[in-house]
Amino acid sequence: MQPLFWSSRLARGLALAVLAWLAAIELGSSRTASKEAAAQSNDGETVVDTTTSRVFDAAASVHLLAGASASRLLPHASVRTPRTAFAFGLTLLVGSGVLSSWARRHLGRFHRDDLTVHHDHALIDTGPYERVRHPLYLATASALVGIGAVLGNWVSVATAGLPVAALVRRIAVEETMLVDHLGTRYVTYQARTNRLLPGVW
């Protein structure tokens, strides 16, 4: 059975509209604010790592290209309940956008594409950061899986594992950076929170 994304113009238009909204959050306003904050930092910050950002971007690109291709070219791997898969994926996408916007409001000027420490780096533990240490990465992972589900193909879902694995690696590097910079404050924060999923990990 053909995925709903390809068989229904309405479903495809709805999915593309949500994806455009997510892209505006991730690539538009967020990166613009990040660049503006960096420009105003007056050398008060140090970039610790750029590699994890590049690896994630590459893995996400592979996911998008391979996922879309599999959805079109591998019908035998299509999810047997296309409406359910589409609805589930769209829910993940919308939820990830809401969580991402919420987390960015609390993270504020400390958000950067590359892993960066600031001379006045603060521990953010309000909003979604009260429960998990990396809500932005949770939002991103949810969006990646959501894209695969919207495409209605098991291979499309599976390829989300590539950028999610890159996020897991980035989390490890980032937490080492934060422990080095914030010390016991961050260690205490780690003890009472989870990385991505409350009560799980």
C-alpha atoms as a PDB file:
ATOM      1  CA  MET A   1       0.000   0.000   0.000  1.00  0.00           C
ATOM      2  CA  GLN A   2       1.345   3.404  -0.990  1.00  0.00           C
ATOM      3  CA  PRO A   3       2.208   5.806   1.849  1.00  0.00           C
ATOM      4  CA  LEU A   4      -0.368   8.526   2.439  1.00  0.00           C
ATOM      5  CA  PHE A   5       2.297  11.164   1.859  1.00  0.00           C
ATOM      6  CA  TRP A   6       2.423  10.172  -1.811  1.00  0.00           C
ATOM      7  CA  SER A   7      -1.166   9.067  -2.402  1.00  0.00           C
ATOM      8  CA  SER A   8      -2.950  12.105  -0.930  1.00  0.00           C
ATOM      9  CA  ARG A   9      -2.272  15.686  -1.989  1.00  0.00           C
ATOM     10  CA  LEU A  10      -3.974  16.951   1.157  1.00  0.00           C
ATOM     11  CA  ALA A  11      -1.761  14.825   3.410  1.00  0.00           C
ATOM     12  CA  ARG A  12       1.369  15.804   1.498  1.00  0.00           C
ATOM     13  CA  GLY A  13       0.477  19.495   1.661  1.00  0.00           C
ATOM     14  CA  LEU A  14      -0.213  19.273   5.396  1.00  0.00           C
ATOM     15  CA  ALA A  15       3.056  17.471   6.061  1.00  0.00           C
ATOM     16  CA  LEU A  16       5.054  19.933   3.969  1.00  0.00           C
ATOM     17  CA  ALA A  17       3.439  22.879   5.760  1.00  0.00           C
ATOM     18  CA  VAL A  18       4.434  21.450   9.156  1.00  0.00           C
ATOM     19  CA  LEU A  19       7.944  20.718   7.878  1.00  0.00           C
ATOM     20  CA  ALA A  20       8.246  24.299   6.606  1.00  0.00           C
ATOM     21  CA  TRP A  21       7.239  25.540  10.061  1.00  0.00           C
ATOM     22  CA  LEU A  22       9.881  23.325  11.676  1.00  0.00           C
ATOM     23  CA  ALA A  23      12.502  24.506   9.190  1.00  0.00           C
ATOM     24  CA  ALA A  24      11.661  28.117  10.050  1.00  0.00           C
ATOM     25  CA  ILE A  25      12.280  27.327  13.723  1.00  0.00           C
ATOM     26  CA  GLU A  26      15.431  25.260  13.212  1.00  0.00           C
ATOM     27  CA  LEU A  27      17.096  27.043  10.318  1.00  0.00           C
ATOM     28  CA  GLY A  28      15.564  30.472  10.366  1.00  0.00           C
ATOM     29  CA  SER A  29      14.868  32.347  13.571  1.00  0.00           C
ATOM     30  CA  SER A  30      17.006  30.067  15.742  1.00  0.00           C
ATOM     31  CA  ARG A  31      20.201  30.312  13.716  1.00  0.00           C
ATOM     32  CA  THR A  32      19.688  34.024  13.132  1.00  0.00           C
ATOM     33  CA  ALA A  33      19.396  34.597  16.883  1.00  0.00           C
ATOM     34  CA  SER A  34      22.428  32.387  17.468  1.00  0.00           C
ATOM     35  CA  LYS A  35      24.559  34.365  15.019  1.00  0.00           C
ATOM     36  CA  GLU A  36      23.401  37.685  16.462  1.00  0.00           C
ATOM     37  CA  ALA A  37      24.242  36.551  19.988  1.00  0.00           C
ATOM     38  CA  ALA A  38      27.670  35.357  18.858  1.00  0.00           C
ATOM     39  CA  ALA A  39      28.345  38.692  17.170  1.00  0.00           C
ATOM     40  CA  GLN A  40      27.504  40.558  20.382  1.00  0.00           C
ATOM     41  CA  SER A  41      29.528  38.290  22.659  1.00  0.00           C
ATOM     42  CA  ASN A  42      32.670  40.468  22.627  1.00  0.00           C
ATOM     43  CA  ASP A  43      34.964  37.441  22.742  1.00  0.00           C
ATOM     44  CA  GLY A  44      33.215  36.186  25.875  1.00  0.00           C
ATOM     45  CA  GLU A  45      32.738  32.691  24.530  1.00  0.00           C
ATOM     46  CA  THR A  46      34.837  29.746  23.393  1.00  0.00           C
ATOM     47  CA  VAL A  47      33.839  27.220  20.753  1.00  0.00           C
ATOM     48  CA  VAL A  48      34.726  23.791  22.121  1.00  0.00           C
ATOM     49  CA  ASP A  49      33.489  21.511  19.362  1.00  0.00           C
ATOM     50  CA  THR A  50      32.333  21.892  15.760  1.00  0.00           C
ATOM     51  CA  THR A  51      32.663  18.284  14.615  1.00  0.00           C
ATOM     52  CA  THR A  52      29.484  16.956  16.214  1.00  0.00           C
ATOM     53  CA  SER A  53      27.434  19.626  14.433  1.00  0.00           C
ATOM     54  CA  ARG A  54      28.899  18.690  11.063  1.00  0.00           C
ATOM     55  CA  VAL A  55      28.432  14.968  11.656  1.00  0.00           C
ATOM     56  CA  PHE A  56      24.819  15.500  12.648  1.00  0.00           C
ATOM     57  CA  ASP A  57      24.094  17.677   9.605  1.00  0.00           C
ATOM     58  CA  ALA A  58      25.567  15.004   7.311  1.00  0.00           C
ATOM     59  CA  ALA A  59      23.637  12.197   9.020  1.00  0.00           C
ATOM     60  CA  ALA A  60      20.388  14.177   8.885  1.00  0.00           C
ATOM     61  CA  SER A  61      20.889  14.806   5.158  1.00  0.00           C
ATOM     62  CA  VAL A  62      21.403  11.096   4.549  1.00  0.00           C
ATOM     63  CA  HIS A  63      18.237  10.346   6.533  1.00  0.00           C
ATOM     64  CA  LEU A  64      16.143  12.780   4.515  1.00  0.00           C
ATOM     65  CA  LEU A  65      17.424  11.636   1.130  1.00  0.00           C
ATOM     66  CA  ALA A  66      17.428   7.914   1.893  1.00  0.00           C
ATOM     67  CA  GLY A  67      14.092   8.101   3.694  1.00  0.00           C
ATOM     68  CA  ALA A  68      12.326   9.879   0.849  1.00  0.00           C
ATOM     69  CA  SER A  69      13.880   7.535  -1.715  1.00  0.00           C
ATOM     70  CA  ALA A  70      12.892   4.426   0.230  1.00  0.00           C
ATOM     71  CA  SER A  71       9.356   5.703   0.618  1.00  0.00           C
ATOM     72  CA  ARG A  72       9.036   6.007  -3.171  1.00  0.00           C
ATOM     73  CA  LEU A  73      11.133   3.081  -4.359  1.00  0.00           C
ATOM     74  CA  LEU A  74      10.616   0.356  -1.743  1.00  0.00           C
ATOM     75  CA  PRO A  75       6.862  -0.251  -1.579  1.00  0.00           C
ATOM     76  CA  HIS A  76       7.368  -3.664   0.040  1.00  0.00           C
ATOM     77  CA  ALA A  77       8.738  -1.849   3.117  1.00  0.00           C
ATOM     78  CA  SER A  78       5.716   0.438   3.437  1.00  0.00           C
ATOM     79  CA  VAL A  79       3.863   0.537   6.743  1.00  0.00           C
ATOM     80  CA  ARG A  80       0.660  -1.486   6.383  1.00  0.00           C
ATOM     81  CA  THR A  81      -1.441   1.132   8.154  1.00  0.00           C
ATOM     82  CA  PRO A  82      -0.551   4.325   6.253  1.00  0.00           C
ATOM     83  CA  ARG A  83      -3.141   6.558   7.940  1.00  0.00           C
ATOM     84  CA  THR A  84      -1.943   5.584  11.401  1.00  0.00           C
ATOM     85  CA  ALA A  85       1.704   6.047  10.413  1.00  0.00           C
ATOM     86  CA  PHE A  86       0.973   9.467   8.928  1.00  0.00           C
ATOM     87  CA  ALA A  87      -1.030  10.631  11.961  1.00  0.00           C
ATOM     88  CA  PHE A  88       1.650   9.385  14.347  1.00  0.00           C
ATOM     89  CA  GLY A  89       4.414  11.077  12.362  1.00  0.00           C
ATOM     90  CA  LEU A  90       2.523  14.356  12.091  1.00  0.00           C
ATOM     91  CA  THR A  91       1.879  14.325  15.836  1.00  0.00           C
ATOM     92  CA  LEU A  92       5.600  13.862  16.480  1.00  0.00           C
ATOM     93  CA  LEU A  93       6.449  16.711  14.124  1.00  0.00           C
ATOM     94  CA  VAL A  94       4.014  19.152  15.709  1.00  0.00           C
ATOM     95  CA  GLY A  95       5.068  18.098  19.202  1.00  0.00           C
ATOM     96  CA  SER A  96       8.730  18.548  18.343  1.00  0.00           C
ATOM     97  CA  GLY A  97       8.066  22.068  17.097  1.00  0.00           C
ATOM     98  CA  VAL A  98       6.248  23.027  20.281  1.00  0.00           C
ATOM     99  CA  LEU A  99       8.975  21.507  22.486  1.00  0.00           C
ATOM    100  CA  SER A 100      11.732  23.133  20.439  1.00  0.00           C
ATOM    101  CA  SER A 101      10.160  26.587  20.715  1.00  0.00           C
ATOM    102  CA  TRP A 102       9.598  26.146  24.454  1.00  0.00           C
ATOM    103  CA  ALA A 103      13.182  25.009  25.055  1.00  0.00           C
ATOM    104  CA  ARG A 104      14.676  27.829  22.985  1.00  0.00           C
ATOM    105  CA  ARG A 105      12.791  30.437  25.008  1.00  0.00           C
ATOM    106  CA  HIS A 106      14.398  29.126  28.181  1.00  0.00           C
ATOM    107  CA  LEU A 107      17.869  28.572  26.700  1.00  0.00           C
ATOM    108  CA  GLY A 108      17.888  32.077  25.241  1.00  0.00           C
ATOM    109  CA  ARG A 109      21.233  33.583  24.264  1.00  0.00           C
ATOM    110  CA  PHE A 110      23.173  30.430  25.221  1.00  0.00           C
ATOM    111  CA  HIS A 111      21.947  28.536  22.160  1.00  0.00           C
ATOM    112  CA  ARG A 112      24.618  27.873  19.527  1.00  0.00           C
ATOM    113  CA  ASP A 113      24.960  25.467  16.600  1.00  0.00           C
ATOM    114  CA  ASP A 114      28.455  24.535  17.747  1.00  0.00           C
ATOM    115  CA  LEU A 115      29.221  23.505  21.327  1.00  0.00           C
ATOM    116  CA  THR A 116      30.226  26.700  23.075  1.00  0.00           C
ATOM    117  CA  VAL A 117      31.015  27.858  26.603  1.00  0.00           C
ATOM    118  CA  HIS A 118      30.486  31.450  27.733  1.00  0.00           C
ATOM    119  CA  HIS A 119      32.366  33.465  30.315  1.00  0.00           C
ATOM    120  CA  ASP A 120      29.055  33.849  32.196  1.00  0.00           C
ATOM    121  CA  HIS A 121      27.622  30.451  31.275  1.00  0.00           C
ATOM    122  CA  ALA A 122      24.546  29.739  33.378  1.00  0.00           C
ATOM    123  CA  LEU A 123      22.902  26.444  34.258  1.00  0.00           C
ATOM    124  CA  ILE A 124      19.458  26.427  32.653  1.00  0.00           C
ATOM    125  CA  ASP A 125      17.078  24.235  34.673  1.00  0.00           C
ATOM    126  CA  THR A 126      13.719  25.870  34.017  1.00  0.00           C
ATOM    127  CA  GLY A 127      10.897  24.893  31.667  1.00  0.00           C
ATOM    128  CA  PRO A 128      11.632  21.601  29.890  1.00  0.00           C
ATOM    129  CA  TYR A 129      15.173  21.690  31.293  1.00  0.00           C
ATOM    130  CA  GLU A 130      13.696  20.962  34.715  1.00  0.00           C
ATOM    131  CA  ARG A 131      12.992  17.375  33.622  1.00  0.00           C
ATOM    132  CA  VAL A 132      15.511  16.611  30.877  1.00  0.00           C
ATOM    133  CA  ARG A 133      18.932  18.060  30.145  1.00  0.00           C
ATOM    134  CA  HIS A 134      18.599  18.148  26.355  1.00  0.00           C
ATOM    135  CA  PRO A 135      15.012  18.945  25.329  1.00  0.00           C
ATOM    136  CA  LEU A 136      16.165  20.475  22.048  1.00  0.00           C
ATOM    137  CA  TYR A 137      17.768  17.180  21.076  1.00  0.00           C
ATOM    138  CA  LEU A 138      14.612  15.329  22.129  1.00  0.00           C
ATOM    139  CA  ALA A 139      12.624  17.621  19.843  1.00  0.00           C
ATOM    140  CA  THR A 140      15.069  17.002  17.003  1.00  0.00           C
ATOM    141  CA  ALA A 141      15.034  13.223  17.456  1.00  0.00           C
ATOM    142  CA  SER A 142      11.225  13.249  17.540  1.00  0.00           C
ATOM    143  CA  ALA A 143      11.120  15.234  14.316  1.00  0.00           C
ATOM    144  CA  LEU A 144      13.502  12.827  12.589  1.00  0.00           C
ATOM    145  CA  VAL A 145      11.422   9.789  13.550  1.00  0.00           C
ATOM    146  CA  GLY A 146       8.275  11.737  12.669  1.00  0.00           C
ATOM    147  CA  ILE A 147       9.551  12.382   9.159  1.00  0.00           C
ATOM    148  CA  GLY A 148      10.149   8.670   8.686  1.00  0.00           C
ATOM    149  CA  ALA A 149       6.660   7.851   9.941  1.00  0.00           C
ATOM    150  CA  VAL A 150       5.034  10.483   7.723  1.00  0.00           C
ATOM    151  CA  LEU A 151       6.830   8.932   4.758  1.00  0.00           C
ATOM    152  CA  GLY A 152       5.133   5.667   5.732  1.00  0.00           C
ATOM    153  CA  ASN A 153       8.065   3.351   5.200  1.00  0.00           C
ATOM    154  CA  TRP A 154       9.992   1.229   7.700  1.00  0.00           C
ATOM    155  CA  VAL A 155      13.290   2.002   5.982  1.00  0.00           C
ATOM    156  CA  SER A 156      12.480   5.715   6.224  1.00  0.00           C
ATOM    157  CA  VAL A 157      11.945   5.295   9.955  1.00  0.00           C
ATOM    158  CA  ALA A 158      15.097   3.190  10.384  1.00  0.00           C
ATOM    159  CA  THR A 159      17.357   5.751   8.694  1.00  0.00           C
ATOM    160  CA  ALA A 160      16.453   8.199  11.478  1.00  0.00           C
ATOM    161  CA  GLY A 161      18.824   6.109  13.590  1.00  0.00           C
ATOM    162  CA  LEU A 162      21.794   7.737  11.856  1.00  0.00           C
ATOM    163  CA  PRO A 163      21.227  11.334  12.989  1.00  0.00           C
ATOM    164  CA  VAL A 164      19.853  10.158  16.351  1.00  0.00           C
ATOM    165  CA  ALA A 165      23.128   8.298  16.930  1.00  0.00           C
ATOM    166  CA  ALA A 166      24.967  11.514  16.036  1.00  0.00           C
ATOM    167  CA  LEU A 167      22.883  13.342  18.649  1.00  0.00           C
ATOM    168  CA  VAL A 168      23.757  10.758  21.292  1.00  0.00           C
ATOM    169  CA  ARG A 169      27.437  11.312  20.556  1.00  0.00           C
ATOM    170  CA  ARG A 170      26.959  15.086  20.717  1.00  0.00           C
ATOM    171  CA  ILE A 171      25.268  14.746  24.100  1.00  0.00           C
ATOM    172  CA  ALA A 172      28.306  12.899  25.475  1.00  0.00           C
ATOM    173  CA  VAL A 173      30.682  15.597  24.221  1.00  0.00           C
ATOM    174  CA  GLU A 174      28.447  18.417  25.446  1.00  0.00           C
ATOM    175  CA  GLU A 175      28.039  16.967  28.920  1.00  0.00           C
ATOM    176  CA  THR A 176      31.798  16.606  29.307  1.00  0.00           C
ATOM    177  CA  MET A 177      32.132  20.254  28.291  1.00  0.00           C
ATOM    178  CA  LEU A 178      29.498  21.386  30.788  1.00  0.00           C
ATOM    179  CA  VAL A 179      30.951  19.371  33.666  1.00  0.00           C
ATOM    180  CA  ASP A 180      34.369  20.883  32.939  1.00  0.00           C
ATOM    181  CA  HIS A 181      32.941  24.401  32.873  1.00  0.00           C
ATOM    182  CA  LEU A 182      30.148  24.327  35.467  1.00  0.00           C
ATOM    183  CA  GLY A 183      31.613  21.702  37.806  1.00  0.00           C
ATOM    184  CA  THR A 184      29.531  20.411  40.696  1.00  0.00           C
ATOM    185  CA  ARG A 185      26.503  22.470  39.690  1.00  0.00           C
ATOM    186  CA  TYR A 186      26.133  20.435  36.533  1.00  0.00           C
ATOM    187  CA  VAL A 187      26.980  17.134  38.254  1.00  0.00           C
ATOM    188  CA  THR A 188      24.167  17.808  40.741  1.00  0.00           C
ATOM    189  CA  TYR A 189      21.851  18.679  37.851  1.00  0.00           C
ATOM    190  CA  GLN A 190      22.781  15.399  36.145  1.00  0.00           C
ATOM    191  CA  ALA A 191      21.898  13.463  39.296  1.00  0.00           C
ATOM    192  CA  ARG A 192      18.300  14.726  39.333  1.00  0.00           C
ATOM    193  CA  THR A 193      17.485  14.731  35.613  1.00  0.00           C
ATOM    194  CA  ASN A 194      17.628  12.471  32.560  1.00  0.00           C
ATOM    195  CA  ARG A 195      19.318  13.220  29.270  1.00  0.00           C
ATOM    196  CA  LEU A 196      16.352  12.907  26.894  1.00  0.00           C
ATOM    197  CA  LEU A 197      13.463  10.881  28.346  1.00  0.00           C
ATOM    198  CA  PRO A 198      12.203  11.445  31.900  1.00  0.00           C
ATOM    199  CA  GLY A 199      12.726   8.323  33.962  1.00  0.00           C
ATOM    200  CA  VAL A 200      14.316   6.442  31.048  1.00  0.00           C
ATOM    201  CA  TRP A 201      17.623   7.944  29.851  1.00  0.00           C
END
